[in-house]
């Protein structure tokens, strides 16, 4: 029995979640520059950069999986 949800659709959903976290990290980075206390600025700055880095890496992985899955399904059809 075949899965009713295509594999690439799940990857698209995960990619959208990764985009949300990238935007959240950028917003957190912007808010870090509004903080006056140096220690809090440094901690928030590095936390936002970590969120952005991890989310961008996951997004790249999801996009690669989407492309490879679509190529495989296209080859099976031919």
PDB file of N, CA and C in Angstrom:
ATOM      1  N   UNK A   1       0.843  -1.179   0.000  1.00  0.00           N
ATOM      2  CA  UNK A   1       0.000   0.000   0.000  1.00  0.00           C
ATOM      3  C   UNK A   1       0.889   1.242   0.000  1.00  0.00           C
ATOM      4  N   UNK A   2       0.583   2.142  -0.893  1.00  0.00           N
ATOM      5  CA  UNK A   2       1.393   3.344  -1.050  1.00  0.00           C
ATOM      6  C   UNK A   2       0.964   4.425  -0.060  1.00  0.00           C
ATOM      7  N   UNK A   3       1.938   5.191   0.402  1.00  0.00           N
ATOM      8  CA  UNK A   3       1.669   6.291   1.330  1.00  0.00           C
ATOM      9  C   UNK A   3       0.861   7.366   0.605  1.00  0.00           C
ATOM     10  N   UNK A   4      -0.282   7.825   1.179  1.00  0.00           N
ATOM     11  CA  UNK A   4      -1.103   8.831   0.485  1.00  0.00           C
ATOM     12  C   UNK A   4      -0.434  10.204   0.386  1.00  0.00           C
ATOM     13  N   UNK A   5       0.521  10.486   1.280  1.00  0.00           N
ATOM     14  CA  UNK A   5       1.234  11.762   1.236  1.00  0.00           C
ATOM     15  C   UNK A   5       2.562  11.530   0.522  1.00  0.00           C
ATOM     16  N   UNK A   6       2.812  12.248  -0.560  1.00  0.00           N
ATOM     17  CA  UNK A   6       4.099  12.056  -1.251  1.00  0.00           C
ATOM     18  C   UNK A   6       5.271  12.427  -0.352  1.00  0.00           C
ATOM     19  N   UNK A   7       6.390  11.749  -0.590  1.00  0.00           N
ATOM     20  CA  UNK A   7       7.573  11.974   0.248  1.00  0.00           C
ATOM     21  C   UNK A   7       8.072  13.404   0.135  1.00  0.00           C
ATOM     22  N   UNK A   8       7.991  13.983  -1.070  1.00  0.00           N
ATOM     23  CA  UNK A   8       8.497  15.339  -1.251  1.00  0.00           C
ATOM     24  C   UNK A   8       7.617  16.352  -0.515  1.00  0.00           C
ATOM     25  N   UNK A   9       6.332  16.055  -0.305  1.00  0.00           N
ATOM     26  CA  UNK A   9       5.443  16.989   0.391  1.00  0.00           C
ATOM     27  C   UNK A   9       5.848  17.136   1.854  1.00  0.00           C
ATOM     28  N   UNK A  10       6.274  16.053   2.451  1.00  0.00           N
ATOM     29  CA  UNK A  10       6.737  16.108   3.843  1.00  0.00           C
ATOM     30  C   UNK A  10       8.014  16.951   3.923  1.00  0.00           C
ATOM     31  N   UNK A  11       8.889  16.787   2.934  1.00  0.00           N
ATOM     32  CA  UNK A  11      10.129  17.568   2.907  1.00  0.00           C
ATOM     33  C   UNK A  11       9.839  19.056   2.700  1.00  0.00           C
ATOM     34  N   UNK A  12       8.817  19.365   1.910  1.00  0.00           N
ATOM     35  CA  UNK A  12       8.439  20.772   1.709  1.00  0.00           C
ATOM     36  C   UNK A  12       7.938  21.368   3.022  1.00  0.00           C
ATOM     37  N   UNK A  13       7.147  20.609   3.767  1.00  0.00           N
ATOM     38  CA  UNK A  13       6.667  21.086   5.070  1.00  0.00           C
ATOM     39  C   UNK A  13       7.835  21.340   6.015  1.00  0.00           C
ATOM     40  N   UNK A  14       8.794  20.428   6.051  1.00  0.00           N
ATOM     41  CA  UNK A  14       9.966  20.617   6.907  1.00  0.00           C
ATOM     42  C   UNK A  14      10.810  21.807   6.442  1.00  0.00           C
ATOM     43  N   UNK A  15      10.876  22.031   5.133  1.00  0.00           N
ATOM     44  CA  UNK A  15      11.615  23.182   4.602  1.00  0.00           C
ATOM     45  C   UNK A  15      10.939  24.484   5.028  1.00  0.00           C
ATOM     46  N   UNK A  16       9.613  24.502   5.015  1.00  0.00           N
ATOM     47  CA  UNK A  16       8.892  25.705   5.460  1.00  0.00           C
ATOM     48  C   UNK A  16       9.126  25.976   6.945  1.00  0.00           C
ATOM     49  N   UNK A  17       9.191  24.926   7.737  1.00  0.00           N
ATOM     50  CA  UNK A  17       9.493  25.094   9.165  1.00  0.00           C
ATOM     51  C   UNK A  17      10.905  25.636   9.343  1.00  0.00           C
ATOM     52  N   UNK A  18      11.850  25.142   8.542  1.00  0.00           N
ATOM     53  CA  UNK A  18      13.228  25.646   8.615  1.00  0.00           C
ATOM     54  C   UNK A  18      13.288  27.119   8.223  1.00  0.00           C
ATOM     55  N   UNK A  19      12.512  27.519   7.216  1.00  0.00           N
ATOM     56  CA  UNK A  19      12.459  28.933   6.816  1.00  0.00           C
ATOM     57  C   UNK A  19      11.907  29.782   7.952  1.00  0.00           C
ATOM     58  N   UNK A  20      10.893  29.266   8.654  1.00  0.00           N
ATOM     59  CA  UNK A  20      10.345  29.991   9.797  1.00  0.00           C
ATOM     60  C   UNK A  20      11.423  30.235  10.856  1.00  0.00           C
ATOM     61  N   UNK A  21      12.222  29.199  11.135  1.00  0.00           N
ATOM     62  CA  UNK A  21      13.254  29.357  12.157  1.00  0.00           C
ATOM     63  C   UNK A  21      14.394  30.264  11.689  1.00  0.00           C
ATOM     64  N   UNK A  22      14.670  30.290  10.389  1.00  0.00           N
ATOM     65  CA  UNK A  22      15.652  31.250   9.885  1.00  0.00           C
ATOM     66  C   UNK A  22      15.154  32.663  10.107  1.00  0.00           C
ATOM     67  N   UNK A  23      13.885  32.903   9.802  1.00  0.00           N
ATOM     68  CA  UNK A  23      13.316  34.238  10.021  1.00  0.00           C
ATOM     69  C   UNK A  23      13.263  34.587  11.501  1.00  0.00           C
ATOM     70  N   UNK A  24      12.979  33.596  12.344  1.00  0.00           N
ATOM     71  CA  UNK A  24      12.989  33.818  13.785  1.00  0.00           C
ATOM     72  C   UNK A  24      14.393  34.185  14.270  1.00  0.00           C
ATOM     73  N   UNK A  25      15.405  33.501  13.740  1.00  0.00           N
ATOM     74  CA  UNK A  25      16.788  33.807  14.110  1.00  0.00           C
ATOM     75  C   UNK A  25      17.207  35.192  13.670  1.00  0.00           C
ATOM     76  N   UNK A  26      16.766  35.599  12.473  1.00  0.00           N
ATOM     77  CA  UNK A  26      17.076  36.949  11.999  1.00  0.00           C
ATOM     78  C   UNK A  26      16.400  37.992  12.883  1.00  0.00           C
ATOM     79  N   UNK A  27      15.155  37.730  13.279  1.00  0.00           N
ATOM     80  CA  UNK A  27      14.453  38.647  14.171  1.00  0.00           C
ATOM     81  C   UNK A  27      15.156  38.718  15.528  1.00  0.00           C
ATOM     82  N   UNK A  28      15.606  37.582  16.024  1.00  0.00           N
ATOM     83  CA  UNK A  28      16.330  37.556  17.295  1.00  0.00           C
ATOM     84  C   UNK A  28      17.653  38.305  17.185  1.00  0.00           C
ATOM     85  N   UNK A  29      18.314  38.189  16.040  1.00  0.00           N
ATOM     86  CA  UNK A  29      19.551  38.924  15.805  1.00  0.00           C
ATOM     87  C   UNK A  29      19.296  40.429  15.820  1.00  0.00           C
ATOM     88  N   UNK A  30      18.217  40.849  15.189  1.00  0.00           N
ATOM     89  CA  UNK A  30      17.854  42.270  15.200  1.00  0.00           C
ATOM     90  C   UNK A  30      17.567  42.736  16.631  1.00  0.00           C
ATOM     91  N   UNK A  31      16.867  41.913  17.392  1.00  0.00           N
ATOM     92  CA  UNK A  31      16.540  42.289  18.769  1.00  0.00           C
ATOM     93  C   UNK A  31      17.784  42.311  19.648  1.00  0.00           C
ATOM     94  N   UNK A  32      18.801  41.527  19.312  1.00  0.00           N
ATOM     95  CA  UNK A  32      20.031  41.518  20.101  1.00  0.00           C
ATOM     96  C   UNK A  32      20.716  42.876  20.058  1.00  0.00           C
ATOM     97  N   UNK A  33      20.613  43.548  18.920  1.00  0.00           N
ATOM     98  CA  UNK A  33      21.255  44.862  18.810  1.00  0.00           C
ATOM     99  C   UNK A  33      20.498  45.943  19.584  1.00  0.00           C
ATOM    100  N   UNK A  34      19.305  45.646  20.057  1.00  0.00           N
ATOM    101  CA  UNK A  34      18.540  46.598  20.863  1.00  0.00           C
ATOM    102  C   UNK A  34      18.875  46.485  22.352  1.00  0.00           C
ATOM    103  N   UNK A  35      19.602  45.437  22.740  1.00  0.00           N
ATOM    104  CA  UNK A  35      19.934  45.191  24.144  1.00  0.00           C
ATOM    105  C   UNK A  35      21.117  46.072  24.539  1.00  0.00           C
ATOM    106  N   UNK A  36      21.011  46.711  25.692  1.00  0.00           N
ATOM    107  CA  UNK A  36      22.072  47.593  26.155  1.00  0.00           C
ATOM    108  C   UNK A  36      23.156  46.907  26.952  1.00  0.00           C
ATOM    109  N   UNK A  37      22.835  45.797  27.593  1.00  0.00           N
ATOM    110  CA  UNK A  37      23.800  45.107  28.442  1.00  0.00           C
ATOM    111  C   UNK A  37      24.712  44.222  27.581  1.00  0.00           C
ATOM    112  N   UNK A  38      26.027  44.363  27.716  1.00  0.00           N
ATOM    113  CA  UNK A  38      26.957  43.629  26.830  1.00  0.00           C
ATOM    114  C   UNK A  38      26.863  42.099  26.932  1.00  0.00           C
ATOM    115  N   UNK A  39      26.740  41.570  28.131  1.00  0.00           N
ATOM    116  CA  UNK A  39      26.690  40.117  28.285  1.00  0.00           C
ATOM    117  C   UNK A  39      25.444  39.547  27.615  1.00  0.00           C
ATOM    118  N   UNK A  40      24.306  40.177  27.836  1.00  0.00           N
ATOM    119  CA  UNK A  40      23.065  39.714  27.214  1.00  0.00           C
ATOM    120  C   UNK A  40      23.124  39.849  25.697  1.00  0.00           C
ATOM    121  N   UNK A  41      23.775  40.931  25.222  1.00  0.00           N
ATOM    122  CA  UNK A  41      23.930  41.092  23.780  1.00  0.00           C
ATOM    123  C   UNK A  41      24.732  39.941  23.184  1.00  0.00           C
ATOM    124  N   UNK A  42      25.859  39.608  23.803  1.00  0.00           N
ATOM    125  CA  UNK A  42      26.726  38.558  23.264  1.00  0.00           C
ATOM    126  C   UNK A  42      26.000  37.215  23.276  1.00  0.00           C
ATOM    127  N   UNK A  43      25.320  36.901  24.350  1.00  0.00           N
ATOM    128  CA  UNK A  43      24.617  35.623  24.438  1.00  0.00           C
ATOM    129  C   UNK A  43      23.490  35.542  23.420  1.00  0.00           C
ATOM    130  N   UNK A  44      22.724  36.612  23.268  1.00  0.00           N
ATOM    131  CA  UNK A  44      21.630  36.622  22.300  1.00  0.00           C
ATOM    132  C   UNK A  44      22.162  36.608  20.877  1.00  0.00           C
ATOM    133  N   UNK A  45      23.260  37.314  20.630  1.00  0.00           N
ATOM    134  CA  UNK A  45      23.866  37.351  19.304  1.00  0.00           C
ATOM    135  C   UNK A  45      24.312  35.956  18.866  1.00  0.00           C
ATOM    136  N   UNK A  46      25.040  35.252  19.735  1.00  0.00           N
ATOM    137  CA  UNK A  46      25.512  33.921  19.371  1.00  0.00           C
ATOM    138  C   UNK A  46      24.368  32.913  19.289  1.00  0.00           C
ATOM    139  N   UNK A  47      23.360  33.057  20.137  1.00  0.00           N
ATOM    140  CA  UNK A  47      22.209  32.156  20.069  1.00  0.00           C
ATOM    141  C   UNK A  47      21.462  32.335  18.749  1.00  0.00           C
ATOM    142  N   UNK A  48      21.269  33.578  18.325  1.00  0.00           N
ATOM    143  CA  UNK A  48      20.556  33.817  17.068  1.00  0.00           C
ATOM    144  C   UNK A  48      21.363  33.305  15.878  1.00  0.00           C
ATOM    145  N   UNK A  49      22.685  33.484  15.912  1.00  0.00           N
ATOM    146  CA  UNK A  49      23.509  32.965  14.822  1.00  0.00           C
ATOM    147  C   UNK A  49      23.489  31.442  14.774  1.00  0.00           C
ATOM    148  N   UNK A  50      23.435  30.788  15.920  1.00  0.00           N
ATOM    149  CA  UNK A  50      23.347  29.335  15.952  1.00  0.00           C
ATOM    150  C   UNK A  50      22.014  28.860  15.378  1.00  0.00           C
ATOM    151  N   UNK A  51      20.931  29.539  15.724  1.00  0.00           N
ATOM    152  CA  UNK A  51      19.620  29.190  15.183  1.00  0.00           C
ATOM    153  C   UNK A  51      19.612  29.343  13.666  1.00  0.00           C
ATOM    154  N   UNK A  52      20.170  30.433  13.178  1.00  0.00           N
ATOM    155  CA  UNK A  52      20.210  30.673  11.736  1.00  0.00           C
ATOM    156  C   UNK A  52      21.066  29.607  11.045  1.00  0.00           C
ATOM    157  N   UNK A  53      22.218  29.298  11.598  1.00  0.00           N
ATOM    158  CA  UNK A  53      23.124  28.325  10.987  1.00  0.00           C
ATOM    159  C   UNK A  53      22.505  26.934  10.918  1.00  0.00           C
ATOM    160  N   UNK A  54      21.932  26.479  12.007  1.00  0.00           N
ATOM    161  CA  UNK A  54      21.318  25.148  12.023  1.00  0.00           C
ATOM    162  C   UNK A  54      20.126  25.093  11.081  1.00  0.00           C
ATOM    163  N   UNK A  55      19.293  26.124  11.083  1.00  0.00           N
ATOM    164  CA  UNK A  55      18.117  26.142  10.215  1.00  0.00           C
ATOM    165  C   UNK A  55      18.508  26.187   8.743  1.00  0.00           C
ATOM    166  N   UNK A  56      19.539  26.940   8.411  1.00  0.00           N
ATOM    167  CA  UNK A  56      19.981  27.012   7.019  1.00  0.00           C
ATOM    168  C   UNK A  56      20.553  25.674   6.556  1.00  0.00           C
ATOM    169  N   UNK A  57      21.274  24.991   7.440  1.00  0.00           N
ATOM    170  CA  UNK A  57      21.816  23.674   7.097  1.00  0.00           C
ATOM    171  C   UNK A  57      20.694  22.667   6.888  1.00  0.00           C
ATOM    172  N   UNK A  58      19.700  22.676   7.762  1.00  0.00           N
ATOM    173  CA  UNK A  58      18.560  21.783   7.594  1.00  0.00           C
ATOM    174  C   UNK A  58      17.788  22.106   6.321  1.00  0.00           C
ATOM    175  N   UNK A  59      17.616  23.394   6.031  1.00  0.00           N
ATOM    176  CA  UNK A  59      16.909  23.790   4.814  1.00  0.00           C
ATOM    177  C   UNK A  59      17.642  23.281   3.582  1.00  0.00           C
ATOM    178  N   UNK A  60      18.952  23.399   3.572  1.00  0.00           N
ATOM    179  CA  UNK A  60      19.733  22.892   2.443  1.00  0.00           C
ATOM    180  C   UNK A  60      19.540  21.386   2.289  1.00  0.00           C
ATOM    181  N   UNK A  61      19.560  20.665   3.391  1.00  0.00           N
ATOM    182  CA  UNK A  61      19.339  19.214   3.341  1.00  0.00           C
ATOM    183  C   UNK A  61      17.962  18.853   2.827  1.00  0.00           C
ATOM    184  N   UNK A  62      16.941  19.589   3.265  1.00  0.00           N
ATOM    185  CA  UNK A  62      15.580  19.311   2.799  1.00  0.00           C
ATOM    186  C   UNK A  62      15.432  19.603   1.313  1.00  0.00           C
ATOM    187  N   UNK A  63      16.041  20.672   0.843  1.00  0.00           N
ATOM    188  CA  UNK A  63      15.967  21.013  -0.584  1.00  0.00           C
ATOM    189  C   UNK A  63      16.666  19.947  -1.418  1.00  0.00           C
ATOM    190  N   UNK A  64      17.807  19.468  -0.946  1.00  0.00           N
ATOM    191  CA  UNK A  64      18.514  18.408  -1.671  1.00  0.00           C
ATOM    192  C   UNK A  64      17.660  17.141  -1.719  1.00  0.00           C
ATOM    193  N   UNK A  65      17.003  16.791  -0.609  1.00  0.00           N
ATOM    194  CA  UNK A  65      16.137  15.609  -0.594  1.00  0.00           C
ATOM    195  C   UNK A  65      14.942  15.778  -1.527  1.00  0.00           C
ATOM    196  N   UNK A  66      14.383  16.981  -1.584  1.00  0.00           N
ATOM    197  CA  UNK A  66      13.256  17.233  -2.486  1.00  0.00           C
ATOM    198  C   UNK A  66      13.689  17.034  -3.930  1.00  0.00           C
ATOM    199  N   UNK A  67      14.833  17.589  -4.283  1.00  0.00           N
ATOM    200  CA  UNK A  67      15.317  17.490  -5.663  1.00  0.00           C
ATOM    201  C   UNK A  67      15.614  16.037  -6.028  1.00  0.00           C
ATOM    202  N   UNK A  68      16.296  15.308  -5.150  1.00  0.00           N
ATOM    203  CA  UNK A  68      16.624  13.912  -5.469  1.00  0.00           C
ATOM    204  C   UNK A  68      15.370  13.043  -5.538  1.00  0.00           C
ATOM    205  N   UNK A  69      14.400  13.290  -4.671  1.00  0.00           N
ATOM    206  CA  UNK A  69      13.161  12.524  -4.704  1.00  0.00           C
ATOM    207  C   UNK A  69      12.388  12.796  -5.985  1.00  0.00           C
ATOM    208  N   UNK A  70      12.306  14.045  -6.389  1.00  0.00           N
ATOM    209  CA  UNK A  70      11.601  14.367  -7.624  1.00  0.00           C
ATOM    210  C   UNK A  70      12.317  13.794  -8.844  1.00  0.00           C
ATOM    211  N   UNK A  71      13.641  13.777  -8.839  1.00  0.00           N
ATOM    212  CA  UNK A  71      14.390  13.173  -9.951  1.00  0.00           C
ATOM    213  C   UNK A  71      14.134  11.672 -10.027  1.00  0.00           C
ATOM    214  N   UNK A  72      14.101  11.003  -8.865  1.00  0.00           N
ATOM    215  CA  UNK A  72      13.855   9.563  -8.855  1.00  0.00           C
ATOM    216  C   UNK A  72      12.453   9.238  -9.351  1.00  0.00           C
ATOM    217  N   UNK A  73      11.463   9.993  -8.938  1.00  0.00           N
ATOM    218  CA  UNK A  73      10.100   9.727  -9.393  1.00  0.00           C
ATOM    219  C   UNK A  73       9.956  10.025 -10.884  1.00  0.00           C
ATOM    220  N   UNK A  74      10.681  11.022 -11.373  1.00  0.00           N
ATOM    221  CA  UNK A  74      10.639  11.334 -12.793  1.00  0.00           C
ATOM    222  C   UNK A  74      11.287  10.219 -13.608  1.00  0.00           C
ATOM    223  N   UNK A  75      12.372   9.621 -13.099  1.00  0.00           N
ATOM    224  CA  UNK A  75      13.030   8.514 -13.797  1.00  0.00           C
ATOM    225  C   UNK A  75      12.156   7.265 -13.799  1.00  0.00           C
ATOM    226  N   UNK A  76      11.404   7.032 -12.715  1.00  0.00           N
ATOM    227  CA  UNK A  76      10.517   5.863 -12.654  1.00  0.00           C
ATOM    228  C   UNK A  76       9.375   5.991 -13.660  1.00  0.00           C
ATOM    229  N   UNK A  77       8.910   7.196 -13.898  1.00  0.00           N
ATOM    230  CA  UNK A  77       7.823   7.411 -14.844  1.00  0.00           C
ATOM    231  C   UNK A  77       8.268   7.177 -16.278  1.00  0.00           C
ATOM    232  N   UNK A  78       9.522   7.422 -16.573  1.00  0.00           N
ATOM    233  CA  UNK A  78      10.007   7.284 -17.949  1.00  0.00           C
ATOM    234  C   UNK A  78      10.305   5.875 -18.323  1.00  0.00           C
TER     235      UNK A  78
END
